[in-house]
Amino acid sequence: MLRVGLCQVTSSVDPAENLRAVREWTATAAARGARVVVFPEAMLARFGVRLTSVAEPLDGPWARQVEEIADEFGVLVVAGMFTPDGDRVRNTLLVTGLGHHLGYDKIHLYDAFGFRESDTVAPGDEPLTVTVDDVTLGFATCYDVRFPDLFQSLAQAGSSAVVVPASWAGGEGKREQWELLLRARALDSGTWVLGCDQPDAATAGLDVRPTAPNGVGHSTVADPFGRVHAQLGAEADLLVVDVDPARAEASRSATAVLANRRWGAAAR
């Protein structure tokens, strides 16, 4: 078993303020026994600011201070940030603590629903897995959840769970899509899928519009059979769950989706 805490928090435009939130929520999650503490996409600074002005490298002060927080509480912290890439940035998940200090750059960019993430963000091309207490975790970011092959590739690389930080854009039907996609990716990869979103933008006093994707809340953990295992509401909250890798093995044995996979099997 691996205990994971999902911190459904709203990031501000101020990285220092967001760092304080990371410390506060990490302390709370660690006190409840979490070994992995997950924050949403864009935790360094929310969307709607000039990303090149807030981007920092993985060895920059913000990421290193998150590393110090992770080390202080003896956990792995996952938090969305932006790293420099010429005149654009990378949408990066910082994965730090327990001897790790890595980044996953979002592969599938959100050029959809009237938003063009690729105008300001360069895509990544390498999946990432990390093992904590003998449980292997894969990583994906927000819009990545619409692409089953990434999740199946992570499963074939040994992941029992995939962590999905997000800043999910609101709009008609978008909350329902969020839950449906998390459940579908869990079922078609035989993994736990842990979606950690920012709180509902309206609840947080932000504009609800796809041109500034700032969250719909409802962070959701789907088990490897596609069932909702646990879920939060719209407001800021903490969800702590235990991930059982044996459940992933049971799903893959029952559905045989990985064993019978043909199309895209050689991808990535």
C-alpha atoms as a PDB file:
ATOM      1  CA  MET A   1       0.000   0.000   0.000  1.00  0.00           C
ATOM      2  CA  LEU A   2       1.073   3.554  -0.711  1.00  0.00           C
ATOM      3  CA  ARG A   3      -0.712   6.472   0.955  1.00  0.00           C
ATOM      4  CA  VAL A   4      -1.143   9.512  -1.287  1.00  0.00           C
ATOM      5  CA  GLY A   5      -2.488  12.954  -0.413  1.00  0.00           C
ATOM      6  CA  LEU A   6      -4.154  15.080  -3.113  1.00  0.00           C
ATOM      7  CA  CYS A   7      -4.122  18.779  -2.217  1.00  0.00           C
ATOM      8  CA  GLN A   8      -6.937  20.557  -4.049  1.00  0.00           C
ATOM      9  CA  VAL A   9      -5.685  24.116  -3.656  1.00  0.00           C
ATOM     10  CA  THR A  10      -5.901  27.314  -5.687  1.00  0.00           C
ATOM     11  CA  SER A  11      -2.572  28.774  -6.744  1.00  0.00           C
ATOM     12  CA  SER A  12      -2.151  32.530  -6.929  1.00  0.00           C
ATOM     13  CA  VAL A  13       0.014  34.674  -9.195  1.00  0.00           C
ATOM     14  CA  ASP A  14       2.680  34.842  -6.443  1.00  0.00           C
ATOM     15  CA  PRO A  15       5.162  31.929  -6.327  1.00  0.00           C
ATOM     16  CA  ALA A  16       6.195  32.795  -2.753  1.00  0.00           C
ATOM     17  CA  GLU A  17       2.586  32.629  -1.559  1.00  0.00           C
ATOM     18  CA  ASN A  18       2.142  29.330  -3.378  1.00  0.00           C
ATOM     19  CA  LEU A  19       5.298  27.957  -1.752  1.00  0.00           C
ATOM     20  CA  ARG A  20       3.819  28.705   1.657  1.00  0.00           C
ATOM     21  CA  ALA A  21       0.705  26.780   0.639  1.00  0.00           C
ATOM     22  CA  VAL A  22       2.854  23.824  -0.450  1.00  0.00           C
ATOM     23  CA  ARG A  23       4.485  23.724   2.980  1.00  0.00           C
ATOM     24  CA  GLU A  24       1.204  24.040   4.889  1.00  0.00           C
ATOM     25  CA  TRP A  25      -0.639  21.379   2.919  1.00  0.00           C
ATOM     26  CA  THR A  26       2.348  19.031   2.830  1.00  0.00           C
ATOM     27  CA  ALA A  27       2.559  19.189   6.612  1.00  0.00           C
ATOM     28  CA  THR A  28      -1.130  18.328   6.905  1.00  0.00           C
ATOM     29  CA  ALA A  29      -0.955  15.459   4.416  1.00  0.00           C
ATOM     30  CA  ALA A  30       2.202  14.034   6.007  1.00  0.00           C
ATOM     31  CA  ALA A  31       0.534  14.161   9.429  1.00  0.00           C
ATOM     32  CA  ARG A  32      -2.158  11.899   7.976  1.00  0.00           C
ATOM     33  CA  GLY A  33       0.444   9.407   6.831  1.00  0.00           C
ATOM     34  CA  ALA A  34       0.863  10.381   3.176  1.00  0.00           C
ATOM     35  CA  ARG A  35       4.136   9.327   1.557  1.00  0.00           C
ATOM     36  CA  VAL A  36       3.308  11.133  -1.684  1.00  0.00           C
ATOM     37  CA  VAL A  37       1.774  14.619  -1.629  1.00  0.00           C
ATOM     38  CA  VAL A  38       0.311  15.913  -4.894  1.00  0.00           C
ATOM     39  CA  PHE A  39      -0.514  19.486  -5.861  1.00  0.00           C
ATOM     40  CA  PRO A  40      -2.275  20.703  -9.023  1.00  0.00           C
ATOM     41  CA  GLU A  41      -0.855  21.822 -12.330  1.00  0.00           C
ATOM     42  CA  ALA A  42       0.363  25.459 -12.341  1.00  0.00           C
ATOM     43  CA  MET A  43       1.124  25.449  -8.606  1.00  0.00           C
ATOM     44  CA  LEU A  44       4.111  27.757  -9.131  1.00  0.00           C
ATOM     45  CA  ALA A  45       1.703  30.364 -10.529  1.00  0.00           C
ATOM     46  CA  ARG A  46      -1.767  30.003 -11.963  1.00  0.00           C
ATOM     47  CA  PHE A  47      -2.605  30.419 -15.612  1.00  0.00           C
ATOM     48  CA  GLY A  48      -3.402  33.965 -16.669  1.00  0.00           C
ATOM     49  CA  VAL A  49       0.047  35.409 -15.914  1.00  0.00           C
ATOM     50  CA  ARG A  50       2.942  35.772 -18.346  1.00  0.00           C
ATOM     51  CA  LEU A  51       4.523  32.339 -17.934  1.00  0.00           C
ATOM     52  CA  THR A  52       8.029  33.328 -19.050  1.00  0.00           C
ATOM     53  CA  SER A  53       8.141  35.843 -16.181  1.00  0.00           C
ATOM     54  CA  VAL A  54       7.578  33.176 -13.505  1.00  0.00           C
ATOM     55  CA  ALA A  55       9.323  30.160 -15.058  1.00  0.00           C
ATOM     56  CA  GLU A  56      12.288  28.726 -13.135  1.00  0.00           C
ATOM     57  CA  PRO A  57      14.568  25.745 -13.788  1.00  0.00           C
ATOM     58  CA  LEU A  58      14.391  22.581 -11.707  1.00  0.00           C
ATOM     59  CA  ASP A  59      17.521  23.708  -9.891  1.00  0.00           C
ATOM     60  CA  GLY A  60      16.049  27.174  -9.266  1.00  0.00           C
ATOM     61  CA  PRO A  61      14.984  28.547  -5.878  1.00  0.00           C
ATOM     62  CA  TRP A  62      11.293  27.577  -6.009  1.00  0.00           C
ATOM     63  CA  ALA A  63      11.878  23.936  -6.916  1.00  0.00           C
ATOM     64  CA  ARG A  64      14.747  23.594  -4.440  1.00  0.00           C
ATOM     65  CA  GLN A  65      12.597  25.007  -1.644  1.00  0.00           C
ATOM     66  CA  VAL A  66       9.881  22.490  -2.505  1.00  0.00           C
ATOM     67  CA  GLU A  67      12.583  19.819  -2.296  1.00  0.00           C
ATOM     68  CA  GLU A  68      13.488  21.069   1.176  1.00  0.00           C
ATOM     69  CA  ILE A  69       9.832  20.837   2.216  1.00  0.00           C
ATOM     70  CA  ALA A  70       9.615  17.293   0.887  1.00  0.00           C
ATOM     71  CA  ASP A  71      12.772  16.321   2.762  1.00  0.00           C
ATOM     72  CA  GLU A  72      11.565  17.962   5.964  1.00  0.00           C
ATOM     73  CA  PHE A  73       8.403  15.859   6.001  1.00  0.00           C
ATOM     74  CA  GLY A  74       9.898  12.706   4.478  1.00  0.00           C
ATOM     75  CA  VAL A  75       7.596  12.591   1.451  1.00  0.00           C
ATOM     76  CA  LEU A  76       7.606  12.828  -2.335  1.00  0.00           C
ATOM     77  CA  VAL A  77       6.014  16.090  -3.482  1.00  0.00           C
ATOM     78  CA  VAL A  78       4.504  16.472  -6.953  1.00  0.00           C
ATOM     79  CA  ALA A  79       3.668  20.039  -7.995  1.00  0.00           C
ATOM     80  CA  GLY A  80       3.037  21.782 -11.294  1.00  0.00           C
ATOM     81  CA  MET A  81       5.441  24.519 -12.328  1.00  0.00           C
ATOM     82  CA  PHE A  82       6.856  26.141 -15.469  1.00  0.00           C
ATOM     83  CA  THR A  83      10.465  25.787 -16.603  1.00  0.00           C
ATOM     84  CA  PRO A  84      12.230  27.978 -19.205  1.00  0.00           C
ATOM     85  CA  ASP A  85      12.484  26.915 -22.861  1.00  0.00           C
ATOM     86  CA  GLY A  86      13.656  29.801 -25.043  1.00  0.00           C
ATOM     87  CA  ASP A  87      10.789  32.173 -25.778  1.00  0.00           C
ATOM     88  CA  ARG A  88       8.322  29.612 -24.405  1.00  0.00           C
ATOM     89  CA  VAL A  89       8.221  27.487 -21.264  1.00  0.00           C
ATOM     90  CA  ARG A  90       7.679  23.830 -20.422  1.00  0.00           C
ATOM     91  CA  ASN A  91       4.623  22.854 -18.378  1.00  0.00           C
ATOM     92  CA  THR A  92       6.553  20.766 -15.878  1.00  0.00           C
ATOM     93  CA  LEU A  93       5.595  18.524 -12.987  1.00  0.00           C
ATOM     94  CA  LEU A  94       8.204  18.808 -10.279  1.00  0.00           C
ATOM     95  CA  VAL A  95       8.695  15.405  -8.628  1.00  0.00           C
ATOM     96  CA  THR A  96      10.938  15.836  -5.603  1.00  0.00           C
ATOM     97  CA  GLY A  97      11.845  14.200  -2.305  1.00  0.00           C
ATOM     98  CA  LEU A  98      12.827  10.732  -1.098  1.00  0.00           C
ATOM     99  CA  GLY A  99      16.033  11.014  -3.105  1.00  0.00           C
ATOM    100  CA  HIS A 100      14.357  12.202  -6.330  1.00  0.00           C
ATOM    101  CA  HIS A 101      14.434  15.608  -8.010  1.00  0.00           C
ATOM    102  CA  LEU A 102      12.923  15.211 -11.470  1.00  0.00           C
ATOM    103  CA  GLY A 103      10.591  16.867 -13.929  1.00  0.00           C
ATOM    104  CA  TYR A 104       7.917  15.586 -16.291  1.00  0.00           C
ATOM    105  CA  ASP A 105       7.171  17.962 -19.161  1.00  0.00           C
ATOM    106  CA  LYS A 106       3.559  17.809 -20.331  1.00  0.00           C
ATOM    107  CA  ILE A 107       3.438  15.969 -23.653  1.00  0.00           C
ATOM    108  CA  HIS A 108      -0.040  16.859 -24.956  1.00  0.00           C
ATOM    109  CA  LEU A 109      -0.674  20.590 -25.005  1.00  0.00           C
ATOM    110  CA  TYR A 110      -4.112  22.104 -24.527  1.00  0.00           C
ATOM    111  CA  ASP A 111      -4.863  23.490 -27.977  1.00  0.00           C
ATOM    112  CA  ALA A 112      -8.586  22.991 -27.548  1.00  0.00           C
ATOM    113  CA  PHE A 113     -11.806  24.682 -26.406  1.00  0.00           C
ATOM    114  CA  GLY A 114     -10.516  28.067 -27.631  1.00  0.00           C
ATOM    115  CA  PHE A 115      -7.195  27.860 -25.751  1.00  0.00           C
ATOM    116  CA  ARG A 116      -3.744  27.508 -27.385  1.00  0.00           C
ATOM    117  CA  GLU A 117      -1.257  26.317 -24.808  1.00  0.00           C
ATOM    118  CA  SER A 118       1.352  25.721 -27.526  1.00  0.00           C
ATOM    119  CA  ASP A 119       1.600  29.478 -28.155  1.00  0.00           C
ATOM    120  CA  THR A 120       3.472  29.823 -24.864  1.00  0.00           C
ATOM    121  CA  VAL A 121       4.422  26.245 -23.921  1.00  0.00           C
ATOM    122  CA  ALA A 122       6.758  23.789 -25.647  1.00  0.00           C
ATOM    123  CA  PRO A 123       5.734  20.098 -25.492  1.00  0.00           C
ATOM    124  CA  GLY A 124       7.645  17.386 -23.702  1.00  0.00           C
ATOM    125  CA  ASP A 125       8.289  13.978 -25.252  1.00  0.00           C
ATOM    126  CA  GLU A 126       9.418  11.653 -22.445  1.00  0.00           C
ATOM    127  CA  PRO A 127       7.165   9.814 -19.962  1.00  0.00           C
ATOM    128  CA  LEU A 128       8.341   9.562 -16.359  1.00  0.00           C
ATOM    129  CA  THR A 129       7.968   6.905 -13.680  1.00  0.00           C
ATOM    130  CA  VAL A 130       9.189   6.942 -10.068  1.00  0.00           C
ATOM    131  CA  THR A 131       9.036   4.145  -7.502  1.00  0.00           C
ATOM    132  CA  VAL A 132       8.100   4.894  -3.886  1.00  0.00           C
ATOM    133  CA  ASP A 133       7.957   2.098  -1.310  1.00  0.00           C
ATOM    134  CA  ASP A 134       7.908  -0.525  -4.089  1.00  0.00           C
ATOM    135  CA  VAL A 135       4.948   1.132  -5.851  1.00  0.00           C
ATOM    136  CA  THR A 136       5.713   2.621  -9.291  1.00  0.00           C
ATOM    137  CA  LEU A 137       3.975   5.866 -10.191  1.00  0.00           C
ATOM    138  CA  GLY A 138       3.542   7.366 -13.642  1.00  0.00           C
ATOM    139  CA  PHE A 139       2.815  11.018 -14.309  1.00  0.00           C
ATOM    140  CA  ALA A 140       0.540  12.949 -16.639  1.00  0.00           C
ATOM    141  CA  THR A 141      -0.740  16.512 -16.695  1.00  0.00           C
ATOM    142  CA  CYS A 142      -4.290  17.716 -17.283  1.00  0.00           C
ATOM    143  CA  TYR A 143      -4.982  17.456 -21.067  1.00  0.00           C
ATOM    144  CA  ASP A 144      -2.765  14.340 -21.196  1.00  0.00           C
ATOM    145  CA  VAL A 145      -5.743  12.476 -19.697  1.00  0.00           C
ATOM    146  CA  ARG A 146      -7.465  12.535 -23.104  1.00  0.00           C
ATOM    147  CA  PHE A 147      -4.777  10.267 -24.602  1.00  0.00           C
ATOM    148  CA  PRO A 148      -5.063   6.583 -23.605  1.00  0.00           C
ATOM    149  CA  ASP A 149      -1.756   5.487 -25.123  1.00  0.00           C
ATOM    150  CA  LEU A 150       0.278   7.498 -22.628  1.00  0.00           C
ATOM    151  CA  PHE A 151      -1.444   5.752 -19.731  1.00  0.00           C
ATOM    152  CA  GLN A 152      -1.070   2.310 -21.277  1.00  0.00           C
ATOM    153  CA  SER A 153       2.605   3.022 -21.958  1.00  0.00           C
ATOM    154  CA  LEU A 154       3.081   4.023 -18.321  1.00  0.00           C
ATOM    155  CA  ALA A 155       1.320   0.841 -17.228  1.00  0.00           C
ATOM    156  CA  GLN A 156       3.554  -1.274 -19.451  1.00  0.00           C
ATOM    157  CA  ALA A 157       6.536   0.509 -17.885  1.00  0.00           C
ATOM    158  CA  GLY A 158       5.406  -0.864 -14.526  1.00  0.00           C
ATOM    159  CA  SER A 159       3.169   1.863 -13.119  1.00  0.00           C
ATOM    160  CA  SER A 160       0.439   0.767 -10.729  1.00  0.00           C
ATOM    161  CA  ALA A 161      -0.858   4.331 -10.480  1.00  0.00           C
ATOM    162  CA  VAL A 162      -0.760   7.490 -12.575  1.00  0.00           C
ATOM    163  CA  VAL A 163      -0.795  10.890 -10.893  1.00  0.00           C
ATOM    164  CA  VAL A 164      -2.605  13.592 -12.893  1.00  0.00           C
ATOM    165  CA  PRO A 165      -2.246  17.160 -11.600  1.00  0.00           C
ATOM    166  CA  ALA A 166      -4.562  19.525 -13.449  1.00  0.00           C
ATOM    167  CA  SER A 167      -5.915  23.008 -13.786  1.00  0.00           C
ATOM    168  CA  TRP A 168      -8.994  21.838 -15.654  1.00  0.00           C
ATOM    169  CA  ALA A 169     -10.828  24.497 -17.641  1.00  0.00           C
ATOM    170  CA  GLY A 170     -14.453  25.038 -16.748  1.00  0.00           C
ATOM    171  CA  GLY A 171     -17.427  25.204 -19.072  1.00  0.00           C
ATOM    172  CA  GLU A 172     -20.478  23.212 -20.034  1.00  0.00           C
ATOM    173  CA  GLY A 173     -19.956  19.523 -19.369  1.00  0.00           C
ATOM    174  CA  LYS A 174     -16.289  19.915 -18.439  1.00  0.00           C
ATOM    175  CA  ARG A 175     -16.561  18.584 -14.879  1.00  0.00           C
ATOM    176  CA  GLU A 176     -18.329  15.484 -16.178  1.00  0.00           C
ATOM    177  CA  GLN A 177     -15.608  15.007 -18.807  1.00  0.00           C
ATOM    178  CA  TRP A 178     -12.942  15.263 -16.107  1.00  0.00           C
ATOM    179  CA  GLU A 179     -14.416  12.413 -14.081  1.00  0.00           C
ATOM    180  CA  LEU A 180     -15.228  10.300 -17.138  1.00  0.00           C
ATOM    181  CA  LEU A 181     -11.723  10.605 -18.559  1.00  0.00           C
ATOM    182  CA  LEU A 182     -10.044   9.731 -15.261  1.00  0.00           C
ATOM    183  CA  ARG A 183     -12.213   6.645 -14.929  1.00  0.00           C
ATOM    184  CA  ALA A 184     -11.661   5.611 -18.546  1.00  0.00           C
ATOM    185  CA  ARG A 185      -7.876   5.945 -18.307  1.00  0.00           C
ATOM    186  CA  ALA A 186      -7.910   3.851 -15.130  1.00  0.00           C
ATOM    187  CA  LEU A 187      -9.902   1.081 -16.789  1.00  0.00           C
ATOM    188  CA  ASP A 188      -8.046   0.995 -20.096  1.00  0.00           C
ATOM    189  CA  SER A 189      -4.610   0.952 -18.424  1.00  0.00           C
ATOM    190  CA  GLY A 190      -5.392  -1.087 -15.328  1.00  0.00           C
ATOM    191  CA  THR A 191      -3.934   1.586 -13.057  1.00  0.00           C
ATOM    192  CA  TRP A 192      -5.106   3.753 -10.223  1.00  0.00           C
ATOM    193  CA  VAL A 193      -5.577   7.251 -11.650  1.00  0.00           C
ATOM    194  CA  LEU A 194      -5.289  10.092  -9.164  1.00  0.00           C
ATOM    195  CA  GLY A 195      -6.559  13.379 -10.563  1.00  0.00           C
ATOM    196  CA  CYS A 196      -5.647  16.441  -8.489  1.00  0.00           C
ATOM    197  CA  ASP A 197      -7.337  19.587  -9.748  1.00  0.00           C
ATOM    198  CA  GLN A 198      -7.427  23.178  -8.590  1.00  0.00           C
ATOM    199  CA  PRO A 199     -10.695  24.086  -6.813  1.00  0.00           C
ATOM    200  CA  ASP A 200     -13.654  25.281  -8.836  1.00  0.00           C
ATOM    201  CA  ALA A 201     -12.725  28.667 -10.279  1.00  0.00           C
ATOM    202  CA  ALA A 202     -16.057  30.280  -9.403  1.00  0.00           C
ATOM    203  CA  THR A 203     -15.759  29.065  -5.812  1.00  0.00           C
ATOM    204  CA  ALA A 204     -12.265  30.599  -5.691  1.00  0.00           C
ATOM    205  CA  GLY A 205     -13.528  33.894  -7.135  1.00  0.00           C
ATOM    206  CA  LEU A 206     -11.857  33.451 -10.531  1.00  0.00           C
ATOM    207  CA  ASP A 207     -13.297  33.747 -14.043  1.00  0.00           C
ATOM    208  CA  VAL A 208     -14.780  30.525 -15.425  1.00  0.00           C
ATOM    209  CA  ARG A 209     -13.529  30.530 -19.008  1.00  0.00           C
ATOM    210  CA  PRO A 210     -11.388  28.189 -21.091  1.00  0.00           C
ATOM    211  CA  THR A 211      -8.939  30.980 -21.943  1.00  0.00           C
ATOM    212  CA  ALA A 212      -7.761  30.924 -18.314  1.00  0.00           C
ATOM    213  CA  PRO A 213      -8.054  27.291 -17.161  1.00  0.00           C
ATOM    214  CA  ASN A 214      -8.160  27.522 -13.378  1.00  0.00           C
ATOM    215  CA  GLY A 215      -9.945  24.399 -12.182  1.00  0.00           C
ATOM    216  CA  VAL A 216     -13.310  22.759 -11.595  1.00  0.00           C
ATOM    217  CA  GLY A 217     -12.411  21.001  -8.335  1.00  0.00           C
ATOM    218  CA  HIS A 218     -13.687  17.445  -7.871  1.00  0.00           C
ATOM    219  CA  SER A 219     -10.275  15.837  -7.553  1.00  0.00           C
ATOM    220  CA  THR A 220     -10.958  12.166  -8.168  1.00  0.00           C
ATOM    221  CA  VAL A 221      -9.272   8.840  -7.524  1.00  0.00           C
ATOM    222  CA  ALA A 222     -10.406   6.103  -9.909  1.00  0.00           C
ATOM    223  CA  ASP A 223      -9.501   2.513  -9.120  1.00  0.00           C
ATOM    224  CA  PRO A 224      -8.064   0.213 -11.830  1.00  0.00           C
ATOM    225  CA  PHE A 225     -11.551  -1.085 -12.649  1.00  0.00           C
ATOM    226  CA  GLY A 226     -12.713   2.448 -13.483  1.00  0.00           C
ATOM    227  CA  ARG A 227     -14.748   2.985 -10.324  1.00  0.00           C
ATOM    228  CA  VAL A 228     -14.691   6.243  -8.385  1.00  0.00           C
ATOM    229  CA  HIS A 229     -12.794   5.295  -5.244  1.00  0.00           C
ATOM    230  CA  ALA A 230     -12.852   8.757  -3.653  1.00  0.00           C
ATOM    231  CA  GLN A 231     -13.688  12.288  -4.727  1.00  0.00           C
ATOM    232  CA  LEU A 232     -13.690  15.844  -3.404  1.00  0.00           C
ATOM    233  CA  GLY A 233     -16.206  18.592  -4.009  1.00  0.00           C
ATOM    234  CA  ALA A 234     -15.680  22.019  -5.546  1.00  0.00           C
ATOM    235  CA  GLU A 235     -13.789  23.785  -2.768  1.00  0.00           C
ATOM    236  CA  ALA A 236     -10.244  23.564  -1.423  1.00  0.00           C
ATOM    237  CA  ASP A 237      -9.739  20.283   0.414  1.00  0.00           C
ATOM    238  CA  LEU A 238      -7.374  17.377   1.044  1.00  0.00           C
ATOM    239  CA  LEU A 239      -8.025  13.813  -0.125  1.00  0.00           C
ATOM    240  CA  VAL A 240      -5.896  11.012   1.351  1.00  0.00           C
ATOM    241  CA  VAL A 241      -6.124   7.527  -0.161  1.00  0.00           C
ATOM    242  CA  ASP A 242      -4.285   4.213  -0.014  1.00  0.00           C
ATOM    243  CA  VAL A 243      -3.152   2.813  -3.365  1.00  0.00           C
ATOM    244  CA  ASP A 244      -3.018  -0.992  -3.515  1.00  0.00           C
ATOM    245  CA  PRO A 245      -0.883  -2.246  -6.434  1.00  0.00           C
ATOM    246  CA  ALA A 246      -2.548  -5.660  -6.181  1.00  0.00           C
ATOM    247  CA  ARG A 247      -5.762  -4.015  -7.383  1.00  0.00           C
ATOM    248  CA  ALA A 248      -3.946  -2.947 -10.573  1.00  0.00           C
ATOM    249  CA  GLU A 249      -2.743  -6.493 -11.155  1.00  0.00           C
ATOM    250  CA  ALA A 250      -6.265  -7.835 -10.648  1.00  0.00           C
ATOM    251  CA  SER A 251      -7.682  -5.391 -13.212  1.00  0.00           C
ATOM    252  CA  ARG A 252      -5.058  -6.224 -15.833  1.00  0.00           C
ATOM    253  CA  SER A 253      -5.628  -9.937 -15.320  1.00  0.00           C
ATOM    254  CA  ALA A 254      -9.389  -9.535 -15.689  1.00  0.00           C
ATOM    255  CA  THR A 255      -9.513  -7.172 -18.695  1.00  0.00           C
ATOM    256  CA  ALA A 256      -6.267  -8.268 -20.412  1.00  0.00           C
ATOM    257  CA  VAL A 257      -6.106  -4.856 -22.076  1.00  0.00           C
ATOM    258  CA  LEU A 258      -2.326  -4.675 -21.888  1.00  0.00           C
ATOM    259  CA  ALA A 259      -1.737  -8.289 -22.875  1.00  0.00           C
ATOM    260  CA  ASN A 260      -4.072  -7.969 -25.875  1.00  0.00           C
ATOM    261  CA  ARG A 261      -2.916  -4.502 -26.894  1.00  0.00           C
ATOM    262  CA  ARG A 262      -1.879  -4.214 -30.561  1.00  0.00           C
ATOM    263  CA  TRP A 263      -2.295  -0.734 -32.039  1.00  0.00           C
ATOM    264  CA  GLY A 264       0.230   1.709 -30.607  1.00  0.00           C
ATOM    265  CA  ALA A 265       2.052  -1.000 -28.646  1.00  0.00           C
ATOM    266  CA  ALA A 266       5.416   0.250 -29.861  1.00  0.00           C
ATOM    267  CA  ALA A 267       4.678   3.917 -29.152  1.00  0.00           C
ATOM    268  CA  ARG A 268       7.049   5.775 -26.860  1.00  0.00           C
END
